C-alpha cells in the first residue's frame, strides 16, 4: 500500500496544477483588449507554462515510480 502513496500524491499534484492553470486561463484579469487589432488577448502565458511544466514533471515522476 505504501508503494502507491507517492504516485497518488503525484496524481493529486498534477490535478492541482491543471486546476490552477485552468483558473489562471479563465480569470478575467489576465485578458485585455489589444488597442490596434481590437482583439481580446491573453497576457499571462508564463504563469500557465510554469504550472503545466510542474504538472508534467509530477505525472512523469508518478509514472516512473510505478514502473
Protein backbone atom coordinates (compact mmCIF):
# COMPACT_ATOMS: atom_id res chain seq x y z
CA UNK A 1 0.00 0.00 0.00
CA UNK A 2 2.79 2.44 0.82
CA UNK A 3 4.31 1.97 -2.64
CA UNK A 4 1.21 3.63 -4.11
CA UNK A 5 1.39 6.66 -1.83
CA UNK A 6 3.90 8.66 -3.89
CA UNK A 7 2.17 8.02 -7.26
CA UNK A 8 -1.14 9.03 -5.69
CA UNK A 9 0.42 12.21 -4.32
CA UNK A 10 1.86 12.96 -7.77
CA UNK A 11 -1.58 12.42 -9.32
CA UNK A 12 -3.13 14.85 -6.85
CA UNK A 13 -0.34 17.38 -7.53
CA UNK A 14 -0.90 17.03 -11.29
CA UNK A 15 -4.63 17.60 -10.89
CA UNK A 16 -3.92 20.62 -8.70
CA UNK A 17 -1.56 22.10 -11.29
CA UNK A 18 -4.10 21.55 -14.05
CA UNK A 19 -6.82 23.21 -11.98
CA UNK A 20 -4.62 26.23 -11.19
CA UNK A 21 -3.62 26.60 -14.86
CA UNK A 22 -7.30 26.43 -15.84
CA UNK A 23 -8.25 29.06 -13.26
CA UNK A 24 -5.45 31.37 -14.47
CA UNK A 25 -6.64 31.00 -18.06
CA UNK A 26 -10.29 31.68 -17.17
CA UNK A 27 -9.55 34.69 -14.92
CA UNK A 28 -10.82 37.94 -16.46
CA UNK A 29 -7.81 39.87 -15.06
CA UNK A 30 -5.49 38.00 -17.45
CA UNK A 31 -7.23 39.20 -20.61
CA UNK A 32 -7.03 42.62 -22.24
CA UNK A 33 -8.24 44.26 -25.43
CA UNK A 34 -5.48 44.99 -27.90
CA UNK A 35 -5.86 48.63 -28.98
CA UNK A 36 -4.54 48.22 -32.50
CA UNK A 37 -6.15 44.96 -33.59
CA UNK A 38 -9.27 45.33 -31.40
CA UNK A 39 -8.90 41.73 -30.28
CA UNK A 40 -9.10 40.11 -26.90
CA UNK A 41 -5.64 38.84 -25.92
CA UNK A 42 -4.35 36.68 -23.09
CA UNK A 43 -1.24 38.09 -21.42
CA UNK A 44 -0.28 35.68 -18.64
CA UNK A 45 1.25 32.74 -20.54
CA UNK A 46 4.31 32.38 -18.24
CA UNK A 47 2.11 31.51 -15.25
CA UNK A 48 0.27 28.82 -17.20
CA UNK A 49 3.57 27.47 -18.56
CA UNK A 50 5.03 27.10 -15.08
CA UNK A 51 2.06 25.11 -13.78
CA UNK A 52 1.90 22.94 -16.91
CA UNK A 53 5.61 22.09 -16.58
CA UNK A 54 5.23 21.24 -12.89
CA UNK A 55 2.19 19.08 -13.70
CA UNK A 56 4.08 17.21 -16.43
CA UNK A 57 7.01 16.60 -14.09
CA UNK A 58 4.66 15.28 -11.39
CA UNK A 59 2.99 12.98 -13.91
CA UNK A 60 6.32 11.59 -15.13
CA UNK A 61 7.59 11.11 -11.58
CA UNK A 62 4.43 9.24 -10.57
CA UNK A 63 4.61 7.05 -13.67
CA UNK A 64 8.31 6.23 -13.19
CA UNK A 65 7.74 5.30 -9.55
CA UNK A 66 5.07 2.81 -10.64
CA UNK A 67 7.49 1.06 -13.03
